[in-house]
Structures are given as C-alpha cells and as structure tokens.
Protein backbone atom coordinates (compact mmCIF):
# COMPACT_ATOMS: atom_id res chain seq x y z
CA MET A 1 -0.35 5.98 -4.28
CA ALA A 2 1.99 5.30 -1.36
CA LYS A 3 0.36 5.64 2.03
CA LEU A 4 3.67 5.53 3.92
CA HIS A 5 4.49 8.95 2.45
CA SER A 6 2.46 11.79 3.89
CA GLU A 7 2.27 13.60 0.53
CA PRO A 8 3.74 11.63 -2.37
CA GLY A 9 3.01 14.40 -4.88
CA THR A 10 2.42 13.72 -8.54
CA TRP A 11 3.12 10.38 -10.15
CA GLU A 12 5.96 11.93 -12.15
CA SER A 13 7.71 13.32 -9.07
CA PHE A 14 7.19 10.08 -7.15
CA LEU A 15 8.59 8.03 -10.04
CA GLU A 16 11.63 10.28 -10.28
CA LYS A 17 12.30 9.91 -6.53
CA PHE A 18 11.77 6.14 -6.79
CA MET A 19 14.24 5.82 -9.67
CA ASP A 20 16.81 7.89 -7.74
CA GLY A 21 16.44 5.61 -4.72
CA GLU A 22 14.90 8.33 -2.57
CA ALA A 23 11.44 6.80 -2.18
CA TYR A 24 12.25 3.29 -0.97
CA GLY A 25 15.99 2.84 -1.55
CA PHE A 26 17.71 1.03 -4.37
CA TRP A 27 16.19 -2.28 -5.46
CA HIS A 28 19.52 -4.01 -6.13
CA GLN A 29 20.81 -3.07 -2.66
CA HIS A 30 17.63 -4.46 -1.08
CA VAL A 31 17.96 -7.74 -2.97
CA GLN A 32 21.69 -8.05 -2.26
CA GLU A 33 21.13 -7.62 1.48
CA TRP A 34 18.50 -10.36 1.57
CA TRP A 35 20.60 -12.63 -0.67
CA GLU A 36 23.56 -12.33 1.72
CA LEU A 37 21.28 -12.96 4.69
CA SER A 38 19.98 -16.15 3.06
CA CYS A 39 23.46 -17.71 3.47
CA THR A 40 23.13 -17.69 7.27
CA HIS A 41 19.36 -17.59 7.84
CA PRO A 42 16.49 -19.64 6.40
CA VAL A 43 15.18 -17.00 3.98
CA LEU A 44 12.80 -18.18 1.27
CA TYR A 45 13.97 -16.58 -1.95
CA PRO A 46 11.44 -17.56 -4.63
CA PHE A 47 12.32 -17.09 -8.26
CA TYR A 48 9.66 -16.46 -10.89
CA GLU A 49 10.68 -19.56 -12.84
CA ASP A 50 10.42 -21.77 -9.76
CA MET A 51 6.95 -20.47 -8.95
CA LYS A 52 5.78 -21.20 -12.50
CA GLU A 53 6.84 -24.83 -12.10
C-alpha cells in the first residue's frame, strides 16, 4: 500500500491518517510551498487543462 511506511495497517486506518495529514502531510500545504517556489525557481507546474490541450 505504501512502502515508505514500515506497517501501514489497514486501508481504513491509513486513509484516516492521510486525511488528518499524518501520513504524508497536508496536500494544500505541499502545493502552496511549490507554488511559492515557482516564483523564484523554474518549477514546471502543469495543470490538467493544459495537459489535455
């Protein structure tokens, strides 16, 4: 399920930890950090709509 965790447990417990930000951190924080970095560094930030074009 997630090899970086030694024992991820059941899907339900993993999902609960993921939703609480305990498994990988919060998604919006991750995106915000990369978005801010893209102002000063050449970060490719593809959007779904752009990839479809």
